Protein backbone atom coordinates (compact mmCIF):
# COMPACT_ATOMS: atom_id res chain seq x y z
CA MET A 1 60.70 20.00 -99.73
CA LYS A 2 58.14 21.84 -101.81
CA ILE A 3 57.71 20.17 -105.20
CA LEU A 4 55.75 21.46 -108.20
CA HIS A 5 54.73 19.38 -111.23
CA ILE A 6 53.55 21.07 -114.43
CA HIS A 7 51.71 18.99 -117.05
CA PRO A 8 49.64 20.16 -120.04
CA ASN A 9 46.67 17.83 -119.53
CA ALA A 10 44.76 16.86 -116.37
CA LYS A 11 43.61 13.54 -117.86
CA MET A 12 47.11 12.47 -118.79
CA ALA A 13 48.55 13.83 -115.55
CA SER A 14 46.21 11.57 -113.60
CA LYS A 15 47.84 8.63 -115.35
CA PHE A 16 51.48 9.66 -115.55
CA VAL A 17 52.04 12.19 -112.74
CA SER A 18 49.63 11.26 -109.95
CA PRO A 19 51.70 8.20 -108.89
CA LEU A 20 54.71 10.51 -108.45
CA LEU A 21 52.68 12.97 -106.39
CA GLY A 22 51.46 10.15 -104.17
CA GLN A 23 54.99 8.90 -103.55
CA GLU A 24 56.25 12.40 -102.76
CA LYS A 25 53.48 12.89 -100.19
CA LEU A 26 54.34 9.54 -98.58
CA LEU A 27 57.90 10.84 -98.19
CA GLY A 28 56.60 13.92 -96.37
CA HIS A 29 57.06 16.44 -99.16
CA GLN A 30 54.58 19.18 -100.03
CA THR A 31 53.63 18.72 -103.67
CA LYS A 32 51.34 20.48 -106.14
CA LEU A 33 50.20 19.99 -109.75
CA ILE A 34 49.53 22.68 -112.36
CA VAL A 35 47.71 21.71 -115.58
CA PHE A 36 47.04 23.65 -118.79
CA LEU A 37 43.84 21.76 -119.69
CA ALA A 38 41.50 21.18 -116.76
CA ASP A 39 39.07 18.29 -116.34
CA LEU A 40 36.36 17.96 -113.70
CA ASN A 41 36.96 14.22 -113.34
CA HIS A 42 40.64 14.54 -112.46
CA SER A 43 42.32 16.35 -109.59
CA TYR A 44 44.93 19.12 -109.79
CA ASP A 45 45.92 22.13 -107.70
CA GLU A 46 46.00 24.96 -110.21
CA TYR A 47 44.68 25.51 -113.74
CA ILE A 48 47.07 27.84 -115.58
CA ASP A 49 46.91 27.61 -119.37
CA LEU A 50 50.48 28.11 -120.64
CA ARG A 51 49.84 26.66 -124.10
CA ILE A 52 51.60 28.73 -126.73
CA ASN A 53 48.38 29.07 -128.80
CA ASN A 54 46.36 30.48 -125.89
CA TYR A 55 45.24 34.02 -126.76
CA ARG A 56 45.32 34.86 -123.03
CA LEU A 57 48.88 33.58 -122.66
CA ILE A 58 50.32 36.85 -121.28
CA LEU A 59 47.75 36.92 -118.48
CA GLU A 60 48.38 33.24 -117.73
CA ILE A 61 52.14 33.88 -117.55
CA PHE A 62 51.59 36.54 -114.86
CA LYS A 63 49.31 34.11 -113.01
CA PHE A 64 52.06 31.48 -113.13
CA ILE A 65 54.73 33.92 -111.92
CA LYS A 66 52.51 34.90 -108.99
CA PHE A 67 51.96 31.23 -108.15
CA ILE A 68 55.63 30.26 -108.04
CA LYS A 69 56.52 33.39 -106.07
CA ASN A 70 53.89 32.52 -103.45
CA TYR A 71 54.51 28.77 -103.37
CA LYS A 72 58.32 29.03 -103.61
CA PRO A 73 58.96 25.46 -104.83
CA ASP A 74 62.32 23.83 -104.19
CA ILE A 75 61.92 21.62 -107.27
CA ILE A 76 59.89 22.20 -110.44
CA PHE A 77 59.15 19.26 -112.75
CA CYS A 78 58.15 20.38 -116.27
CA HIS A 79 56.56 17.43 -118.07
CA ASN A 80 56.01 16.65 -121.74
CA ALA A 81 58.16 18.14 -124.53
CA THR A 82 56.57 20.83 -126.69
CA GLN A 83 54.47 22.21 -123.82
CA ALA A 84 57.36 22.26 -121.33
CA THR A 85 59.24 25.17 -122.90
CA ILE A 86 57.25 28.12 -121.55
CA PRO A 87 57.16 26.92 -117.91
CA ILE A 88 60.86 26.03 -118.08
CA LEU A 89 61.82 29.51 -119.31
CA ILE A 90 59.60 31.35 -116.82
CA SER A 91 60.79 29.16 -113.97
CA ARG A 92 64.40 29.80 -114.94
CA PHE A 93 63.99 33.57 -114.64
CA PHE A 94 61.68 33.72 -111.62
CA ASN A 95 62.72 30.70 -109.55
CA LYS A 96 66.34 29.94 -108.69
CA ASN A 97 65.79 26.40 -107.42
CA LYS A 98 66.05 23.12 -109.34
CA ILE A 99 64.19 22.78 -112.63
CA ILE A 100 63.73 19.22 -113.91
CA TYR A 101 62.74 18.70 -117.54
CA PHE A 102 60.78 15.42 -117.60
CA ASN A 103 60.71 14.54 -121.28
CA HIS A 104 57.94 12.08 -122.25
CA GLY A 105 59.05 11.65 -125.85
CA VAL A 106 61.16 13.41 -128.48
CA THR A 107 58.71 15.14 -130.80
CA TYR A 108 61.08 16.04 -133.65
CA LEU A 109 61.64 12.35 -134.43
CA GLY A 110 58.17 12.25 -135.98
CA TYR A 111 58.73 15.13 -138.41
CA THR A 112 60.85 16.16 -141.39
CA GLY A 113 62.08 19.45 -142.83
CA LEU A 114 61.49 22.77 -141.08
CA LEU A 115 59.18 21.35 -138.39
CA ARG A 116 61.79 18.79 -137.45
CA PHE A 117 64.38 21.56 -137.03
CA LEU A 118 62.02 23.73 -134.96
CA PHE A 119 61.08 20.88 -132.63
CA TYR A 120 64.77 19.99 -132.32
CA LEU A 121 65.53 23.60 -131.39
CA GLN A 122 62.80 23.42 -128.77
CA GLU A 123 64.46 20.36 -127.21
CA VAL A 124 67.76 22.27 -127.09
CA ILE A 125 66.04 25.14 -125.25
CA ASN A 126 64.27 22.79 -122.82
CA ILE A 127 67.51 21.01 -121.98
CA CYS A 128 69.78 24.05 -121.79
CA PHE A 129 67.50 25.95 -119.40
CA SER A 130 66.91 22.97 -117.08
CA ASP A 131 69.14 21.78 -114.25
CA LYS A 132 68.43 18.09 -114.81
CA ILE A 133 66.77 16.04 -117.52
CA ILE A 134 64.79 12.83 -117.21
CA THR A 135 63.30 10.89 -120.11
CA VAL A 136 61.19 7.76 -120.40
CA SER A 137 63.26 5.22 -122.34
CA GLU A 138 66.79 4.25 -123.25
CA ASP A 139 66.01 5.10 -126.88
CA MET A 140 65.04 8.66 -125.93
CA ARG A 141 68.04 8.96 -123.61
CA LYS A 142 70.39 8.15 -126.49
CA VAL A 143 68.74 10.79 -128.69
CA LEU A 144 68.73 13.55 -126.06
CA SER A 145 72.24 12.71 -124.85
CA LYS A 146 73.54 14.15 -128.10
CA ILE A 147 72.41 17.52 -126.71
CA ASN A 148 73.33 16.85 -123.08
CA PRO A 149 75.05 13.60 -122.02
CA SER A 150 73.68 13.84 -118.45
CA VAL A 151 70.13 12.79 -119.44
CA LYS A 152 68.80 10.10 -117.09
CA ILE A 153 66.08 7.48 -117.00
CA ILE A 154 64.59 6.19 -113.74
CA ASN A 155 64.74 2.44 -113.17
CA ASN A 156 64.28 0.91 -116.66
CA GLY A 157 62.40 3.92 -117.97
CA SER A 158 58.73 5.06 -118.30
CA ALA A 159 56.98 8.03 -116.69
CA CYS A 160 55.84 6.25 -113.54
CA GLY A 161 56.01 2.49 -114.16
CA ILE A 162 52.94 0.32 -114.66
CA ASP A 163 50.68 -1.16 -111.99
CA LEU A 164 51.14 -4.95 -112.17
CA ARG A 165 48.96 -5.91 -109.22
CA ASN A 166 46.40 -7.43 -111.60
CA LEU A 167 48.86 -8.96 -114.07
CA ASN A 168 47.08 -11.63 -116.16
CA TYR A 169 43.77 -10.99 -114.33
CA SER A 170 40.87 -10.55 -116.73
CA LYS A 171 37.33 -9.52 -115.84
CA PHE A 172 36.29 -10.10 -119.45
CA GLN A 173 37.15 -12.78 -122.00
CA LYS A 174 38.36 -12.28 -125.54
CA ASP A 175 35.81 -13.43 -128.13
CA LYS A 176 36.99 -16.68 -129.73
CA ASN A 177 34.82 -16.18 -132.80
CA LYS A 178 35.81 -12.61 -133.59
CA THR A 179 39.07 -10.67 -133.59
CA THR A 180 38.98 -7.28 -131.92
CA ILE A 181 41.73 -4.88 -133.00
CA LEU A 182 42.48 -1.82 -130.90
CA PHE A 183 44.07 1.58 -131.47
CA VAL A 184 44.75 3.97 -128.59
CA GLY A 185 45.78 7.54 -129.38
CA ARG A 186 44.84 11.01 -130.50
CA CYS A 187 43.45 12.13 -133.84
CA LYS A 188 46.82 13.15 -135.29
CA VAL A 189 48.56 12.19 -138.53
CA ARG A 190 51.77 11.58 -136.55
CA LYS A 191 49.90 8.85 -134.67
CA GLY A 192 49.58 6.97 -137.96
CA LEU A 193 45.91 7.56 -138.74
CA ASN A 194 46.53 7.45 -142.49
CA ILE A 195 47.91 3.93 -142.07
CA LEU A 196 44.88 2.96 -139.99
CA LEU A 197 42.49 4.15 -142.72
CA ASP A 198 44.11 1.75 -145.19
CA ILE A 199 43.79 -1.10 -142.68
CA PHE A 200 40.16 -0.26 -141.86
CA SER A 201 39.29 -0.13 -145.57
CA TYR A 202 40.84 -3.54 -146.23
CA PHE A 203 39.01 -5.30 -143.39
CA GLU A 204 35.71 -3.41 -143.66
CA LYS A 205 33.85 -6.41 -145.09
CA HIS A 206 35.42 -8.98 -142.75
CA GLU A 207 32.56 -9.95 -140.46
CA ASN A 208 34.90 -11.59 -137.95
CA VAL A 209 37.05 -8.47 -137.44
CA ASN A 210 36.08 -5.50 -135.26
CA PHE A 211 38.04 -2.30 -134.62
CA LEU A 212 38.00 -0.14 -131.49
CA ILE A 213 39.54 3.31 -131.12
CA CYS A 214 40.18 4.81 -127.69
CA GLY A 215 41.07 8.48 -127.31
CA ILE A 216 39.09 9.77 -130.31
CA GLU A 217 35.39 10.66 -130.44
CA GLU A 218 33.32 9.42 -133.38
CA ASP A 219 32.64 12.87 -134.87
CA GLU A 220 36.32 13.82 -134.51
CA PHE A 221 37.39 10.70 -136.39
CA PHE A 222 34.79 11.26 -139.11
CA ARG A 223 36.11 14.78 -139.75
CA PHE A 224 39.49 13.18 -140.42
CA SER A 225 38.41 10.05 -142.33
CA LYS A 226 35.49 11.57 -144.33
CA ARG A 227 33.81 8.15 -144.17
CA LYS A 228 32.41 5.67 -141.67
CA PHE A 229 33.33 2.01 -141.23
CA LYS A 230 30.61 -0.39 -140.09
CA ASN A 231 32.99 -2.55 -138.03
CA LEU A 232 34.65 0.39 -136.22
CA LYS A 233 33.66 1.98 -132.89
CA CYS A 234 35.22 5.16 -131.51
CA LEU A 235 35.02 5.14 -127.72
CA GLY A 236 36.61 8.49 -126.86
CA PHE A 237 38.65 8.84 -123.69
CA ILE A 238 38.29 5.75 -121.48
CA ASN A 239 39.12 5.95 -117.78
CA ASN A 240 39.23 2.20 -117.19
CA ILE A 241 41.04 1.19 -120.35
CA ASP A 242 42.14 -2.14 -118.83
CA GLU A 243 38.71 -3.56 -119.67
CA ILE A 244 39.18 -2.62 -123.34
CA TYR A 245 42.54 -4.39 -123.50
CA GLN A 246 40.95 -7.47 -121.91
CA ILE A 247 38.55 -7.89 -124.86
CA SER A 248 41.10 -6.94 -127.56
CA ASN A 249 43.20 -9.48 -129.45
CA ILE A 250 45.53 -7.05 -131.20
CA ILE A 251 46.71 -3.48 -130.69
CA LEU A 252 48.07 -1.47 -133.63
CA LEU A 253 50.69 1.24 -133.17
CA PRO A 254 51.48 2.95 -136.49
CA SER A 255 52.81 6.03 -134.67
CA LEU A 256 55.63 8.09 -136.19
CA HIS A 257 57.24 8.75 -132.79
CA GLU A 258 56.92 7.46 -129.23
CA GLY A 259 58.75 8.13 -125.98
CA LEU A 260 58.01 4.83 -124.33
CA SER A 261 54.66 3.39 -125.34
CA TYR A 262 52.41 2.73 -122.36
CA CYS A 263 49.98 1.17 -124.84
CA ILE A 264 52.49 -1.62 -125.35
CA LEU A 265 52.95 -2.21 -121.62
CA GLU A 266 49.18 -2.20 -121.05
CA ALA A 267 48.60 -4.51 -124.01
CA ILE A 268 51.20 -7.04 -122.87
CA LYS A 269 49.73 -6.93 -119.36
CA HIS A 270 46.39 -8.10 -120.78
CA ASN A 271 47.66 -10.63 -123.37
CA THR A 272 46.99 -8.40 -126.36
CA LEU A 273 49.29 -8.88 -129.36
CA VAL A 274 51.34 -5.80 -130.32
CA ILE A 275 51.83 -4.95 -134.01
CA ALA A 276 53.75 -1.69 -134.26
CA ASN A 277 55.89 0.59 -136.38
CA ASP A 278 59.61 -0.12 -135.92
CA ILE A 279 60.75 3.15 -134.34
CA PRO A 280 62.63 4.24 -131.19
CA GLY A 281 60.40 4.10 -128.13
CA ILE A 282 58.68 1.01 -129.53
CA SER A 283 61.70 -1.09 -130.48
CA ASN A 284 62.91 -0.40 -126.93
CA LEU A 285 60.08 -2.72 -125.78
CA ILE A 286 59.27 -5.03 -128.69
CA ILE A 287 61.65 -7.59 -130.17
CA ASN A 288 60.34 -8.58 -133.58
CA ASN A 289 58.75 -12.03 -133.68
CA TYR A 290 59.55 -12.58 -130.00
CA ASN A 291 57.09 -10.55 -127.92
CA GLY A 292 55.33 -8.75 -130.77
CA VAL A 293 55.67 -7.78 -134.42
CA LEU A 294 57.55 -4.74 -135.75
CA ILE A 295 56.65 -3.28 -139.14
CA LYS A 296 59.43 -1.73 -141.21
CA ASN A 297 58.69 1.69 -142.74
CA ASN A 298 55.16 1.69 -141.28
CA ASP A 299 53.86 -0.15 -144.35
CA ALA A 300 50.06 -0.59 -144.20
CA ASN A 301 50.29 -3.70 -146.40
CA ASP A 302 52.63 -5.33 -143.90
CA PHE A 303 50.24 -4.54 -141.04
CA ILE A 304 47.46 -6.15 -143.08
CA ALA A 305 49.60 -9.22 -143.85
CA VAL A 306 50.36 -9.82 -140.16
CA ILE A 307 46.68 -9.43 -139.21
CA ASN A 308 45.69 -11.93 -141.92
CA ASP A 309 48.32 -14.36 -140.66
CA TYR A 310 46.99 -13.97 -137.11
CA LEU A 311 43.44 -14.74 -138.28
CA ILE A 312 44.46 -18.14 -139.65
CA ASN A 313 47.27 -19.00 -137.23
CA LYS A 314 46.49 -17.63 -133.76
CA VAL A 315 48.42 -20.40 -132.00
CA LYS A 316 51.66 -19.10 -133.54
CA TYR A 317 51.27 -15.79 -131.69
CA LYS A 318 50.51 -17.22 -128.25
CA LYS A 319 54.23 -17.57 -127.55
CA TYR A 320 54.68 -13.84 -128.27
CA LEU A 321 52.17 -13.07 -125.51
CA ALA A 322 53.96 -15.36 -123.06
CA ASN A 323 57.33 -13.84 -123.93
CA GLY A 324 56.00 -10.36 -123.19
CA VAL A 325 55.55 -10.99 -119.46
CA SER A 326 59.26 -10.57 -118.71
CA THR A 327 59.23 -7.28 -120.64
CA VAL A 328 56.39 -5.71 -118.69
CA LYS A 329 57.80 -6.82 -115.34
CA LYS A 330 60.83 -4.57 -115.93
CA PHE A 331 58.49 -1.59 -115.56
CA ASP A 332 56.74 -2.58 -112.33
CA ARG A 333 55.52 0.61 -110.66
CA LYS A 334 56.67 -0.57 -107.23
CA GLU A 335 60.26 -0.79 -108.43
CA PHE A 336 60.01 2.48 -110.35
CA LEU A 337 58.79 4.39 -107.29
CA LYS A 338 61.61 2.96 -105.17
CA LYS A 339 64.13 4.39 -107.64
CA TYR A 340 62.14 7.63 -107.89
CA GLU A 341 62.36 7.98 -104.11
CA ILE A 342 66.15 7.73 -104.35
CA TYR A 343 66.18 10.28 -107.18
CA ILE A 344 64.14 12.77 -105.14
CA SER A 345 66.35 12.26 -102.09
CA ASN A 346 69.45 13.01 -104.15
CA LEU A 347 67.92 16.29 -105.32
CA LYS A 348 68.18 17.63 -101.77
CA ASN A 349 71.96 17.69 -102.11
């Protein structure tokens, strides 16, 4: 079969789509990847910018139509949520084969008012114009099933599973004299940056607490925060993020919505305590006071209280780290790809 994957970002596609491409090639399929945002450090087959805010969008649409007419894919996977709509609609009208909407998270859950309605409407369009729908967690499946009850997850969920070959291996050691607290995400309010600012301000004068941010450059964060924190480092996009988890004691997830948080799986893999907002996509992985800590209503003061408790009672949280191993093993990439192979085989019928 000829398979086409469409993802908005080459960096993220290398993490979440490349394992699928590799498995498809092992099965003898011809497979290609289109990205909207190119990156010299990550591979893809075509750069076609179908973002809705692209001023050259009309030209890019014609480029995309030409590509699918020449390639003639049997299956088209449209990844993400908000950026999947345009390729789904074009594929529906110019390609009569199977269109799979691979939802990586339900965006409207993180919004209120008019924006919530518009993002909900977008999900309806994505689902109604696709032949099949996959999502990344049971929480997201329940939400999307209200639109279409045939929504599926593969294995136990996730986009491609997590590589557990180095489970509990650590090249670096966590500092026993200092606590390193990590945030991984983009510079967006819906990722909980306002909550983080309150936490950073509280611990700014704590000499034994350091903060690391992955995914945001220093100047980008400063434009948002309007101030600098002496115990905070912004590292930007990190290719080998495993090494950052290995030196981090805690990861904070104050996000307003998640599909299935890979940050949690990666943190558990490297014995990093998870403290996170109690929302779908996170509560699917974390059981409060068992394998992590869930914060009701994303209250910054509650995040601060848990961090303070950790600083004086680290032994208490060791059992949370041990309990997390069984959670992360449910998402072993080997098992995911076995189920993905079955899913692809069934699409032939």
